[in-house]
Amino acid sequence: MSNLEQTLSIIKPDAVERNLQEEIKNMFKKNGFNLINEKKIHILKSEAEQFYKVHETKPFYNDLCEYLSSGPIIVIILEKENAVAENRKIMGATDPKNADEGTIRNKYGISIDKNSVHGSDSVENAKKEINFFFSN
């Protein structure tokens, strides 16, 4: 039985600023992901607040929203078997210092905030996040 899933990846402002999008997309491709759709956008802080609403009670919420809306981002729909878990494995731990060797955050992350990529944390959230950016 196939478990083909889609997940959302965001290449965050720090990685776009350093022009790392092709390297990051190649890491996805090398790991068997199909890139179904992508677009480069610059979201407003109010949109970032909507997107990260799940974190609104957390102390880092405002900084997270400020940061995501601070420059262009690239949103990508990734597809593969067990895409959500596989993407989280490739991304590495939230804090680049704790991310496994060879993961995106290990290679490119600057700090816990500027960690280069976002990935959906569940199939349910992946659907919501994909709809957030690709509904129209």
Protein backbone atom coordinates (compact mmCIF):
# COMPACT_ATOMS: atom_id res chain seq x y z
CA MET A 1 0.00 0.00 0.00
CA SER A 2 1.41 3.34 -1.06
CA ASN A 3 1.62 6.17 1.43
CA LEU A 4 2.14 9.02 -1.01
CA GLU A 5 1.90 12.32 0.87
CA GLN A 6 2.39 15.98 0.21
CA THR A 7 4.08 18.38 2.59
CA LEU A 8 4.93 22.05 2.55
CA SER A 9 8.47 23.36 2.64
CA ILE A 10 9.35 27.00 3.01
CA ILE A 11 12.81 28.20 2.11
CA LYS A 12 13.06 31.02 4.63
CA PRO A 13 14.40 34.58 4.11
CA ASP A 14 17.92 33.81 5.39
CA ALA A 15 18.41 31.04 2.80
CA VAL A 16 16.84 33.04 -0.07
CA GLU A 17 19.05 36.01 0.86
CA ARG A 18 22.13 33.75 0.59
CA ASN A 19 20.82 32.32 -2.69
CA LEU A 20 20.63 28.73 -1.40
CA GLN A 21 17.30 27.79 -2.97
CA GLU A 22 18.80 25.64 -5.77
CA GLU A 23 21.02 23.69 -3.35
CA ILE A 24 18.09 23.09 -1.01
CA LYS A 25 15.78 22.04 -3.86
CA ASN A 26 18.49 19.67 -5.11
CA MET A 27 18.67 18.08 -1.65
CA PHE A 28 14.93 17.40 -1.87
CA LYS A 29 15.29 15.91 -5.35
CA LYS A 30 18.28 13.74 -4.34
CA ASN A 31 16.15 12.40 -1.50
CA GLY A 32 13.39 11.31 -3.88
CA PHE A 33 10.94 14.18 -3.48
CA ASN A 34 8.90 15.47 -6.41
CA LEU A 35 8.51 19.24 -6.37
CA ILE A 36 4.86 19.62 -7.32
CA ASN A 37 4.56 23.39 -7.21
CA GLU A 38 6.62 26.33 -5.99
CA LYS A 39 6.53 30.09 -5.91
CA LYS A 40 8.60 32.93 -4.57
CA ILE A 41 6.57 35.37 -2.51
CA HIS A 42 6.96 38.06 0.14
CA ILE A 43 4.28 37.79 2.79
CA LEU A 44 3.01 40.46 5.15
CA LYS A 45 3.48 40.14 8.90
CA SER A 46 -0.31 39.70 9.23
CA GLU A 47 -0.11 36.70 6.86
CA ALA A 48 2.77 35.22 8.83
CA GLU A 49 0.68 35.63 12.00
CA GLN A 50 -2.12 33.66 10.35
CA PHE A 51 0.28 30.99 9.13
CA TYR A 52 1.93 30.52 12.55
CA LYS A 53 -1.34 30.93 14.53
CA VAL A 54 -0.71 27.53 16.14
CA HIS A 55 2.28 29.13 17.94
CA GLU A 56 0.60 32.37 19.01
CA THR A 57 0.84 31.62 22.75
CA LYS A 58 4.56 30.89 22.56
CA PRO A 59 7.21 33.47 23.47
CA PHE A 60 8.91 33.28 20.05
CA TYR A 61 5.69 33.90 18.07
CA ASN A 62 6.21 37.60 17.30
CA ASP A 63 9.86 37.15 16.28
CA LEU A 64 8.90 34.20 14.08
CA CYS A 65 6.25 36.27 12.28
CA GLU A 66 8.58 39.27 11.92
CA TYR A 67 11.24 37.01 10.48
CA LEU A 68 9.08 35.07 8.00
CA SER A 69 7.78 38.35 6.60
CA SER A 70 11.22 40.04 6.54
CA GLY A 71 12.10 39.05 2.98
CA PRO A 72 11.19 36.82 0.05
CA ILE A 73 10.45 33.15 0.76
CA ILE A 74 9.97 30.18 -1.53
CA VAL A 75 7.03 27.92 -0.77
CA ILE A 76 7.17 24.42 -2.23
CA ILE A 77 4.79 21.48 -2.30
CA LEU A 78 6.85 18.30 -1.92
CA GLU A 79 5.49 14.84 -2.67
CA LYS A 80 6.81 11.38 -1.85
CA GLU A 81 6.06 8.32 0.29
CA ASN A 82 5.81 9.49 3.93
CA ALA A 83 6.68 13.03 2.79
CA VAL A 84 6.05 14.73 6.16
CA ALA A 85 8.40 12.47 8.16
CA GLU A 86 10.97 12.27 5.36
CA ASN A 87 11.10 16.07 5.00
CA ARG A 88 11.55 16.49 8.75
CA LYS A 89 14.44 14.03 8.62
CA ILE A 90 16.16 15.98 5.80
CA MET A 91 15.56 19.34 7.51
CA GLY A 92 17.17 18.31 10.78
CA ALA A 93 16.54 19.68 14.28
CA THR A 94 15.10 23.19 14.69
CA ASP A 95 18.37 24.38 16.23
CA PRO A 96 21.10 23.96 13.58
CA LYS A 97 23.63 23.21 16.35
CA ASN A 98 21.64 20.04 17.17
CA ALA A 99 20.83 19.09 13.56
CA ASP A 100 22.36 15.87 12.25
CA GLU A 101 25.32 16.04 9.88
CA GLY A 102 24.25 16.57 6.26
CA THR A 103 20.74 17.90 7.03
CA ILE A 104 19.57 21.20 5.55
CA ARG A 105 19.67 23.03 8.88
CA ASN A 106 23.08 21.54 9.73
CA LYS A 107 24.52 22.76 6.43
CA TYR A 108 22.75 26.11 6.03
CA GLY A 109 21.04 27.13 9.27
CA ILE A 110 22.45 30.19 11.05
CA SER A 111 20.49 30.06 14.31
CA ILE A 112 17.38 28.59 15.89
CA ASP A 113 15.36 31.40 14.23
CA LYS A 114 17.25 31.62 10.95
CA ASN A 115 17.26 27.90 10.31
CA SER A 116 16.72 28.17 6.53
CA VAL A 117 13.63 25.97 6.13
CA HIS A 118 10.17 25.23 7.49
CA GLY A 119 8.41 21.91 7.04
CA SER A 120 4.94 20.74 8.00
CA ASP A 121 4.86 18.70 11.23
CA SER A 122 1.89 16.45 10.38
CA VAL A 123 -0.17 15.32 7.41
CA GLU A 124 -3.10 17.35 8.73
CA ASN A 125 -1.00 20.52 9.05
CA ALA A 126 0.59 19.89 5.66
CA LYS A 127 -2.87 20.08 4.05
CA LYS A 128 -3.66 23.34 5.88
CA GLU A 129 -0.28 24.86 5.07
CA ILE A 130 -0.43 23.90 1.39
CA ASN A 131 -3.93 25.42 1.18
CA PHE A 132 -2.67 28.56 2.91
CA PHE A 133 -0.19 29.27 0.10
CA PHE A 134 -1.69 27.45 -2.90
CA SER A 135 -5.46 27.81 -2.49
CA ASN A 136 -6.11 30.25 -5.35
